[in-house]
N, C-alpha and C. Protein backbone atom coordinates (compact mmCIF):
# COMPACT_ATOMS: atom_id res chain seq x y z
N UNK A 1 -11.97 11.53 4.23
CA UNK A 1 -11.43 12.58 2.92
C UNK A 1 -9.91 11.79 3.13
N UNK A 2 -9.32 12.99 4.16
CA UNK A 2 -7.97 12.71 4.22
C UNK A 2 -7.03 11.27 3.80
N UNK A 3 -7.93 10.11 4.56
CA UNK A 3 -7.28 9.33 4.48
C UNK A 3 -7.47 8.34 3.16
N UNK A 4 -8.39 8.88 2.30
CA UNK A 4 -8.84 8.36 1.14
C UNK A 4 -7.78 8.62 -0.28
N UNK A 5 -7.54 10.03 -0.03
CA UNK A 5 -6.52 10.62 -0.55
C UNK A 5 -5.22 10.10 -0.67
N UNK A 6 -4.78 9.90 0.79
CA UNK A 6 -3.55 9.49 0.98
C UNK A 6 -3.35 8.23 0.24
N UNK A 7 -4.40 6.98 0.58
CA UNK A 7 -4.45 5.87 -0.06
C UNK A 7 -4.15 5.88 -1.81
N UNK A 8 -5.07 6.58 -2.16
CA UNK A 8 -4.76 6.60 -3.80
C UNK A 8 -3.39 7.45 -3.97
N UNK A 9 -2.75 8.17 -3.40
CA UNK A 9 -1.56 8.82 -3.56
C UNK A 9 -0.86 7.33 -3.26
N UNK A 10 -0.63 6.99 -2.65
CA UNK A 10 -0.13 5.83 -2.55
C UNK A 10 -0.15 4.59 -3.60
N UNK A 11 -1.06 4.30 -3.87
CA UNK A 11 -1.32 3.42 -4.91
C UNK A 11 -1.34 3.80 -6.24
N UNK A 12 -0.83 5.43 -6.25
CA UNK A 12 -0.15 5.94 -7.69
C UNK A 12 1.11 5.42 -7.92
N UNK A 13 1.74 6.20 -6.69
CA UNK A 13 3.26 5.97 -6.26
C UNK A 13 3.93 4.35 -6.66
N UNK A 14 3.07 3.23 -5.96
CA UNK A 14 2.94 2.08 -6.13
C UNK A 14 3.11 1.99 -7.44
N UNK A 15 1.79 2.11 -8.58
CA UNK A 15 1.66 1.97 -9.92
C UNK A 15 2.82 2.37 -10.95
N UNK A 16 3.48 3.82 -10.51
CA UNK A 16 4.33 4.42 -11.09
C UNK A 16 5.84 3.27 -10.63
N UNK A 17 6.18 3.23 -9.48
CA UNK A 17 7.51 2.25 -9.15
C UNK A 17 7.75 1.03 -9.19
N UNK A 18 6.50 0.21 -8.83
CA UNK A 18 6.87 -1.25 -9.13
C UNK A 18 7.30 -1.70 -10.42
N UNK A 19 6.66 -0.98 -11.88
CA UNK A 19 7.02 -1.22 -12.67
C UNK A 19 8.41 -1.37 -13.40
N UNK A 20 8.82 -0.34 -12.74
CA UNK A 20 10.55 -0.28 -13.03
C UNK A 20 11.40 -0.91 -12.23
N UNK A 21 10.91 -1.26 -10.70
CA UNK A 21 11.43 -2.41 -9.91
C UNK A 21 11.36 -3.58 -10.63
N UNK A 22 10.35 -3.95 -11.26
CA UNK A 22 10.13 -5.89 -11.73
C UNK A 22 10.33 -5.34 -13.21
N UNK A 23 10.25 -4.42 -13.78
CA UNK A 23 10.53 -4.46 -15.11
C UNK A 23 9.66 -5.49 -15.98
N UNK A 24 8.25 -5.57 -15.79
CA UNK A 24 7.41 -6.89 -16.02
C UNK A 24 7.04 -6.04 -18.01
N UNK A 25 6.17 -5.28 -17.93
CA UNK A 25 5.87 -4.56 -19.05
C UNK A 25 4.54 -4.95 -19.26
N UNK A 26 3.82 -5.76 -18.74
CA UNK A 26 2.35 -6.47 -18.35
C UNK A 26 1.90 -5.60 -17.85
N UNK A 27 0.67 -5.41 -17.90
CA UNK A 27 -0.49 -4.28 -17.26
C UNK A 27 -1.53 -4.85 -16.56
N UNK A 28 -1.60 -6.17 -16.52
CA UNK A 28 -2.09 -7.23 -16.12
C UNK A 28 -1.50 -7.14 -14.72
N UNK A 29 -0.06 -7.92 -15.25
CA UNK A 29 0.49 -8.23 -13.92
C UNK A 29 1.17 -6.73 -13.09
N UNK A 30 1.04 -5.68 -14.12
CA UNK A 30 1.53 -4.28 -13.15
C UNK A 30 0.19 -4.26 -11.86
N UNK A 31 -0.97 -4.34 -12.16
CA UNK A 31 -1.91 -3.87 -11.55
C UNK A 31 -2.01 -5.18 -10.15
N UNK A 32 -1.87 -6.07 -10.95
CA UNK A 32 -1.86 -7.22 -9.78
C UNK A 32 -0.87 -7.24 -8.47
N UNK A 33 0.60 -6.39 -9.11
CA UNK A 33 1.68 -6.22 -7.90
C UNK A 33 1.34 -5.13 -7.58
N UNK A 34 0.37 -4.17 -8.21
CA UNK A 34 0.48 -2.92 -7.01
C UNK A 34 -0.33 -3.39 -5.83
N UNK A 35 -1.53 -4.34 -6.62
CA UNK A 35 -2.63 -4.51 -5.60
C UNK A 35 -2.61 -5.62 -4.28
N UNK A 36 -0.92 -6.14 -4.76
CA UNK A 36 -1.12 -6.92 -3.68
C UNK A 36 0.43 -6.28 -2.55
N UNK A 37 0.97 -5.42 -3.50
CA UNK A 37 1.90 -4.20 -2.09
C UNK A 37 0.39 -3.53 -1.82
N UNK A 38 -0.48 -2.93 -2.02
CA UNK A 38 -1.16 -2.07 -1.55
C UNK A 38 -1.70 -2.68 -0.01
N UNK A 39 -1.97 -4.63 -0.73
CA UNK A 39 -2.79 -4.76 0.71
C UNK A 39 -1.61 -5.48 1.41
N UNK A 40 -0.68 -5.51 1.05
CA UNK A 40 0.47 -5.65 2.19
C UNK A 40 0.71 -4.81 3.51
N UNK A 41 0.71 -3.54 2.77
CA UNK A 41 0.90 -2.38 3.06
C UNK A 41 -0.11 -2.24 4.28
N UNK A 42 -1.61 -2.30 3.69
CA UNK A 42 -2.64 -2.00 4.68
C UNK A 42 -2.37 -2.62 5.85
N UNK A 43 -2.26 -4.16 5.30
CA UNK A 43 -2.13 -5.35 6.66
C UNK A 43 -1.12 -4.97 7.43
N UNK A 44 0.18 -4.34 7.07
CA UNK A 44 0.90 -4.18 8.61
C UNK A 44 1.06 -2.54 9.14
N UNK A 45 0.21 -1.72 8.28
CA UNK A 45 -0.51 -0.56 9.02
C UNK A 45 -0.99 -0.81 10.06
N UNK A 46 -1.70 -1.52 9.69
CA UNK A 46 -2.83 -1.87 10.67
C UNK A 46 -2.60 -2.37 11.84
N UNK A 47 -1.12 -3.31 11.82
CA UNK A 47 -0.74 -4.20 12.89
C UNK A 47 -0.15 -2.85 13.54
N UNK A 48 0.58 -2.17 12.92
CA UNK A 48 1.62 -1.19 13.60
C UNK A 48 0.77 -0.09 14.60
N UNK A 49 -0.70 0.34 13.75
CA UNK A 49 -1.64 1.39 14.37
C UNK A 49 -2.10 0.71 15.77
N UNK A 50 -2.44 -0.82 15.57
CA UNK A 50 -3.03 -1.35 16.25
C UNK A 50 -2.13 -1.28 17.68
N UNK A 51 -0.80 -1.61 17.32
CA UNK A 51 -0.08 -1.73 18.83
C UNK A 51 0.06 -0.80 19.60
N UNK A 52 0.14 1.03 18.39
CA UNK A 52 0.11 2.00 19.46
C UNK A 52 -0.95 2.30 19.88
N UNK A 53 -1.95 1.59 19.55
CA UNK A 53 -3.67 2.05 20.21
C UNK A 53 -3.67 1.19 21.36
N UNK A 54 -2.89 0.38 21.07
CA UNK A 54 -3.05 -0.60 22.29
C UNK A 54 -2.10 -0.23 23.41
N UNK A 55 -1.19 0.38 23.10
CA UNK A 55 -0.17 1.20 23.91
C UNK A 55 -0.27 2.31 24.75
N UNK A 56 -1.44 2.96 23.70
CA UNK A 56 -2.03 4.39 24.38
C UNK A 56 -2.90 3.90 25.44
N UNK A 57 -3.76 3.07 24.97
CA UNK A 57 -4.76 2.59 26.11
C UNK A 57 -4.44 2.31 27.54
N UNK A 58 -3.32 2.02 27.65
CA UNK A 58 -2.66 1.31 28.66
C UNK A 58 -2.14 2.79 29.71
């Protein structure tokens, strides 16, 4: 449950922050930017945590 709430909070923060960075003004484009950024962050964090788990397993 904690992970789900964290993911929702990150998505909300991205949805608030990204339009200010890119100033698109387009609802669909803002949503696409948020999903792309969230997918990138999820991929990056999965790589980071996988490396930590591999290091802890040794």
